[in-house]
Amino acid sequence: MNIRLLLIILISTATLIFSYDFTEYINKGDSCYAKFDLQNAYEYYKKAYDAIPKDYNALLKITRVCNDLCEYYYELRDNESSEKEVNLAVASAELFHSLFPDSAKVYTFLAWSYGNQALFKGGKEKIKLAHKIKDNAELAIQMDSTDYLPYIILSIYNRQIASLGWFERLFANTFFGDVPEGSFEESERLMQKALKIKPGVIIALFHLSLTYKEMDKTEKEIKVLKQIIESPERDFRDKFAKRKAKRRLEELLD
């Protein structure tokens, strides 16, 4: 057997081994993710990425689960762990963007990661992130209008910007730069669009209820809160949303 043929065989064998490992790690990660075992899901996705670096699917799943872990720890009020995870999410999303700039998911995940990062920033940095959230979410929708997630992100962004008081906006404009625009009406429209694409998403319903609260639309808020409580849990966020919805509904009906 000549050396060239031997090298071809060795390379082909190594490729098959790495491909097998990659598939196994992805499958195990997906299995953990389905059970809301986020930390182990991350570990398997990271192993998959190490087996085949720069793989689109592995990098997408790593970015997603890092954002999930950020939000999970944030709900538990473990801000240190939450911030650590969001920094990983931002790094992954930016690498994702550098490798796959033609993918709409890239811009959705950038907007999502920057949105979570804004939880830990203030002042000028928060304003910069607000522009990044808006620009990336809008671009994601332009590239793929059938994905519900960027509508959720942009809806939350609109509510948070609209909730700034005139004094807060004046202060921010004066000291931190131009504050982007946003409205409660646009927040409602975008969340309704997300729910039209993917009905029954509890986190979308929960944020819609927050928009109705800001708009003083109590009857609509109550209706959505009841829908949240009656909906089946499909995501780790759902138990937190249901708990908050129940407390808020008791306040309104007391």
Protein backbone atom coordinates (compact mmCIF):
# COMPACT_ATOMS: atom_id res chain seq x y z
CA MET A 1 0.00 0.00 0.00
CA ASN A 2 1.49 3.34 -0.98
CA ILE A 3 1.74 6.22 1.49
CA ARG A 4 -0.76 8.40 -0.35
CA LEU A 5 -3.45 5.71 -0.20
CA LEU A 6 -2.69 5.08 3.48
CA LEU A 7 -3.10 8.78 4.26
CA ILE A 8 -6.43 8.86 2.44
CA ILE A 9 -7.65 5.86 4.45
CA LEU A 10 -6.48 7.38 7.75
CA ILE A 11 -8.10 10.74 7.00
CA SER A 12 -11.35 9.08 5.92
CA THR A 13 -11.39 6.93 9.08
CA ALA A 14 -10.73 9.95 11.33
CA THR A 15 -13.49 11.90 9.58
CA LEU A 16 -15.96 9.07 10.15
CA ILE A 17 -15.00 8.87 13.84
CA PHE A 18 -15.38 12.62 14.36
CA SER A 19 -18.69 12.61 12.47
CA TYR A 20 -19.97 9.76 14.64
CA ASP A 21 -18.88 11.55 17.83
CA PHE A 22 -20.44 14.78 16.60
CA THR A 23 -23.79 13.15 15.92
CA GLU A 24 -23.74 11.36 19.27
CA TYR A 25 -22.97 14.56 21.15
CA ILE A 26 -25.68 16.50 19.32
CA ASN A 27 -28.25 13.77 20.00
CA LYS A 28 -27.30 13.58 23.68
CA GLY A 29 -27.42 17.37 23.93
CA ASP A 30 -30.86 17.44 22.33
CA SER A 31 -32.06 14.74 24.75
CA CYS A 32 -30.86 16.78 27.75
CA TYR A 33 -32.34 19.96 26.27
CA ALA A 34 -35.74 18.32 25.86
CA LYS A 35 -35.67 17.50 29.59
CA PHE A 36 -34.65 21.09 30.47
CA ASP A 37 -31.24 19.80 31.61
CA LEU A 38 -29.56 22.87 30.21
CA GLN A 39 -26.09 22.57 31.72
CA ASN A 40 -25.54 19.04 30.44
CA ALA A 41 -27.01 20.03 27.08
CA TYR A 42 -24.38 22.76 26.86
CA GLU A 43 -21.59 20.30 27.70
CA TYR A 44 -22.64 17.92 24.91
CA TYR A 45 -23.07 20.71 22.36
CA LYS A 46 -19.61 22.02 23.28
CA LYS A 47 -18.14 18.53 22.72
CA ALA A 48 -19.89 18.40 19.33
CA TYR A 49 -18.40 21.76 18.40
CA ASP A 50 -14.94 20.60 19.52
CA ALA A 51 -15.34 17.49 17.34
CA ILE A 52 -16.24 19.56 14.27
CA PRO A 53 -15.22 23.20 14.83
CA LYS A 54 -17.19 25.96 13.13
CA ASP A 55 -20.20 23.72 12.59
CA TYR A 56 -23.39 25.74 12.07
CA ASN A 57 -25.73 23.47 14.01
CA ALA A 58 -23.45 23.08 17.04
CA LEU A 59 -22.78 26.81 17.25
CA LEU A 60 -26.48 27.62 16.96
CA LYS A 61 -27.32 25.22 19.79
CA ILE A 62 -24.50 26.54 22.01
CA THR A 63 -25.66 30.13 21.55
CA ARG A 64 -29.25 29.15 22.28
CA VAL A 65 -28.51 27.17 25.43
CA CYS A 66 -26.18 29.87 26.81
CA ASN A 67 -29.03 32.38 26.52
CA ASP A 68 -31.36 29.84 28.12
CA LEU A 69 -28.95 29.37 31.03
CA CYS A 70 -28.62 33.12 31.41
CA GLU A 71 -32.39 33.47 31.73
CA TYR A 72 -32.67 30.44 34.01
CA TYR A 73 -30.12 31.75 36.49
CA TYR A 74 -31.65 35.23 36.26
CA GLU A 75 -35.00 33.80 37.34
CA LEU A 76 -33.21 32.18 40.29
CA ARG A 77 -31.64 35.60 41.12
CA ASP A 78 -28.17 34.15 40.61
CA ASN A 79 -26.90 37.20 38.77
CA GLU A 80 -23.25 36.13 38.80
CA SER A 81 -23.98 32.87 36.96
CA SER A 82 -26.48 34.60 34.69
CA GLU A 83 -24.00 37.25 33.59
CA LYS A 84 -21.32 34.61 33.01
CA GLU A 85 -23.67 32.70 30.71
CA VAL A 86 -24.74 35.76 28.75
CA ASN A 87 -21.12 36.69 28.11
CA LEU A 88 -20.67 33.23 26.61
CA ALA A 89 -23.86 33.73 24.59
CA VAL A 90 -22.65 37.04 23.16
CA ALA A 91 -19.24 35.58 22.27
CA SER A 92 -20.93 32.61 20.58
CA ALA A 93 -23.43 34.80 18.73
CA GLU A 94 -20.69 37.09 17.42
CA LEU A 95 -18.65 34.09 16.26
CA PHE A 96 -21.84 32.70 14.69
CA HIS A 97 -22.24 35.99 12.82
CA SER A 98 -18.63 36.01 11.60
CA LEU A 99 -18.98 32.50 10.18
CA PHE A 100 -22.55 32.56 8.83
CA PRO A 101 -23.51 36.17 7.98
CA ASP A 102 -26.14 35.01 5.47
CA SER A 103 -28.25 33.19 8.08
CA ALA A 104 -31.31 34.95 9.52
CA LYS A 105 -30.88 32.95 12.75
CA VAL A 106 -27.56 34.69 13.31
CA TYR A 107 -29.27 38.08 13.64
CA THR A 108 -32.03 36.68 15.82
CA PHE A 109 -29.45 35.23 18.18
CA LEU A 110 -27.40 38.44 18.18
CA ALA A 111 -30.50 40.43 19.15
CA TRP A 112 -31.40 37.86 21.82
CA SER A 113 -27.88 37.78 23.28
CA TYR A 114 -27.56 41.57 23.34
CA GLY A 115 -31.00 41.81 24.95
CA ASN A 116 -29.93 39.53 27.77
CA GLN A 117 -26.61 41.33 28.12
CA ALA A 118 -28.50 44.61 28.58
CA LEU A 119 -29.87 43.21 31.86
CA PHE A 120 -26.41 43.75 33.35
CA LYS A 121 -25.56 47.09 31.77
CA GLY A 122 -26.54 50.64 32.50
CA GLY A 123 -26.44 54.07 30.99
CA LYS A 124 -24.55 54.52 27.78
CA GLU A 125 -23.84 50.82 27.27
CA LYS A 126 -27.54 49.94 27.58
CA ILE A 127 -28.42 52.53 24.91
CA LYS A 128 -25.80 51.08 22.54
CA LEU A 129 -27.21 47.61 23.11
CA ALA A 130 -30.77 48.86 22.49
CA HIS A 131 -29.75 49.93 18.99
CA LYS A 132 -28.07 46.56 18.39
CA ILE A 133 -31.16 44.67 19.59
CA LYS A 134 -33.46 46.66 17.32
CA ASP A 135 -31.23 46.54 14.23
CA ASN A 136 -30.50 42.81 14.45
CA ALA A 137 -34.08 41.77 15.22
CA GLU A 138 -35.41 43.85 12.32
CA LEU A 139 -32.81 42.38 9.96
CA ALA A 140 -33.71 38.85 11.09
CA ILE A 141 -37.37 39.52 10.25
CA GLN A 142 -36.44 40.97 6.85
CA MET A 143 -34.44 37.83 6.08
CA ASP A 144 -37.00 35.35 7.47
CA SER A 145 -40.46 36.63 8.36
CA THR A 146 -41.63 33.12 9.37
CA ASP A 147 -39.53 32.86 12.56
CA TYR A 148 -41.50 33.85 15.66
CA LEU A 149 -38.50 34.58 17.92
CA PRO A 150 -37.32 37.94 16.50
CA TYR A 151 -40.89 39.26 16.80
CA ILE A 152 -40.83 38.40 20.52
CA ILE A 153 -37.46 40.10 20.97
CA LEU A 154 -38.55 43.22 19.10
CA SER A 155 -41.85 43.33 21.00
CA ILE A 156 -40.06 43.24 24.37
CA TYR A 157 -37.66 45.91 23.14
CA ASN A 158 -40.58 48.18 22.14
CA ARG A 159 -42.27 47.77 25.53
CA GLN A 160 -39.12 48.54 27.45
CA ILE A 161 -38.29 51.61 25.37
CA ALA A 162 -41.90 52.85 25.54
CA SER A 163 -41.94 52.46 29.32
CA LEU A 164 -39.22 55.10 29.74
CA GLY A 165 -40.66 58.24 31.28
CA TRP A 166 -40.08 61.58 29.61
CA PHE A 167 -37.49 62.54 32.21
CA GLU A 168 -35.62 59.24 31.80
CA ARG A 169 -35.63 59.68 28.03
CA LEU A 170 -34.43 63.30 28.30
CA PHE A 171 -31.67 62.26 30.70
CA ALA A 172 -30.58 59.38 28.47
CA ASN A 173 -30.61 61.51 25.32
CA THR A 174 -28.57 64.21 27.06
CA PHE A 175 -25.92 62.03 28.64
CA PHE A 176 -25.85 58.72 26.76
CA GLY A 177 -26.84 59.47 23.19
CA ASP A 178 -29.92 59.01 21.05
CA VAL A 179 -32.54 56.69 22.56
CA PRO A 180 -34.24 54.58 19.85
CA GLU A 181 -38.00 54.75 19.39
CA GLY A 182 -40.54 52.23 20.62
CA SER A 183 -44.24 52.03 21.44
CA PHE A 184 -46.67 49.85 23.36
CA GLU A 185 -48.88 49.55 20.28
CA GLU A 186 -45.96 48.20 18.24
CA SER A 187 -45.05 45.85 21.10
CA GLU A 188 -48.60 44.46 21.06
CA ARG A 189 -48.64 44.09 17.27
CA LEU A 190 -45.30 42.27 17.17
CA MET A 191 -46.22 39.87 19.96
CA GLN A 192 -49.53 39.08 18.29
CA LYS A 193 -47.57 38.33 15.12
CA ALA A 194 -45.26 35.97 17.05
CA LEU A 195 -48.28 34.18 18.50
CA LYS A 196 -49.87 33.91 15.07
CA ILE A 197 -46.74 32.17 13.79
CA LYS A 198 -46.43 29.94 16.86
CA PRO A 199 -49.65 29.86 18.93
CA GLY A 200 -49.63 29.13 22.64
CA VAL A 201 -46.03 30.11 23.44
CA ILE A 202 -46.32 30.92 27.15
CA ILE A 203 -43.39 33.34 27.30
CA ALA A 204 -44.90 35.32 24.42
CA LEU A 205 -48.26 35.40 26.18
CA PHE A 206 -46.59 36.50 29.41
CA HIS A 207 -44.82 39.42 27.75
CA LEU A 208 -48.05 40.35 25.98
CA SER A 209 -49.70 40.53 29.42
CA LEU A 210 -46.93 42.90 30.56
CA THR A 211 -47.62 45.13 27.56
CA TYR A 212 -51.34 45.20 28.39
CA LYS A 213 -50.44 46.07 31.98
CA GLU A 214 -48.40 49.05 30.75
CA MET A 215 -51.29 50.10 28.49
CA ASP A 216 -53.86 49.80 31.32
CA LYS A 217 -55.84 47.29 29.26
CA THR A 218 -56.90 45.28 32.29
CA GLU A 219 -59.55 43.10 30.63
CA LYS A 220 -57.11 42.00 27.94
CA GLU A 221 -54.41 41.43 30.54
CA ILE A 222 -56.72 39.20 32.61
CA LYS A 223 -57.71 37.19 29.54
CA VAL A 224 -54.06 36.55 28.62
CA LEU A 225 -53.10 35.71 32.22
CA LYS A 226 -55.83 33.06 32.34
CA GLN A 227 -54.60 31.66 29.05
CA ILE A 228 -51.07 31.40 30.46
CA ILE A 229 -52.26 29.49 33.52
CA GLU A 230 -54.33 27.07 31.42
CA SER A 231 -51.59 26.40 28.83
CA PRO A 232 -49.36 23.29 29.01
CA GLU A 233 -45.69 23.79 29.87
CA ARG A 234 -43.35 23.28 26.91
CA ASP A 235 -40.31 25.26 27.99
CA PHE A 236 -38.30 25.74 31.19
CA ARG A 237 -39.42 29.38 31.27
CA ASP A 238 -43.07 28.37 31.46
CA LYS A 239 -43.12 27.44 35.16
CA PHE A 240 -41.72 30.87 36.08
CA ALA A 241 -44.19 32.65 33.79
CA LYS A 242 -47.12 30.66 35.18
CA ARG A 243 -46.12 31.48 38.75
CA LYS A 244 -45.92 35.21 37.99
CA ALA A 245 -49.15 35.13 36.00
CA LYS A 246 -51.00 33.49 38.89
CA ARG A 247 -49.77 36.11 41.37
CA ARG A 248 -50.71 38.96 39.04
CA LEU A 249 -54.16 37.52 38.35
CA GLU A 250 -54.82 37.20 42.08
CA GLU A 251 -53.88 40.88 42.49
CA LEU A 252 -56.27 41.95 39.75
CA LEU A 253 -59.19 39.79 40.92
CA ASP A 254 -58.73 40.41 44.65
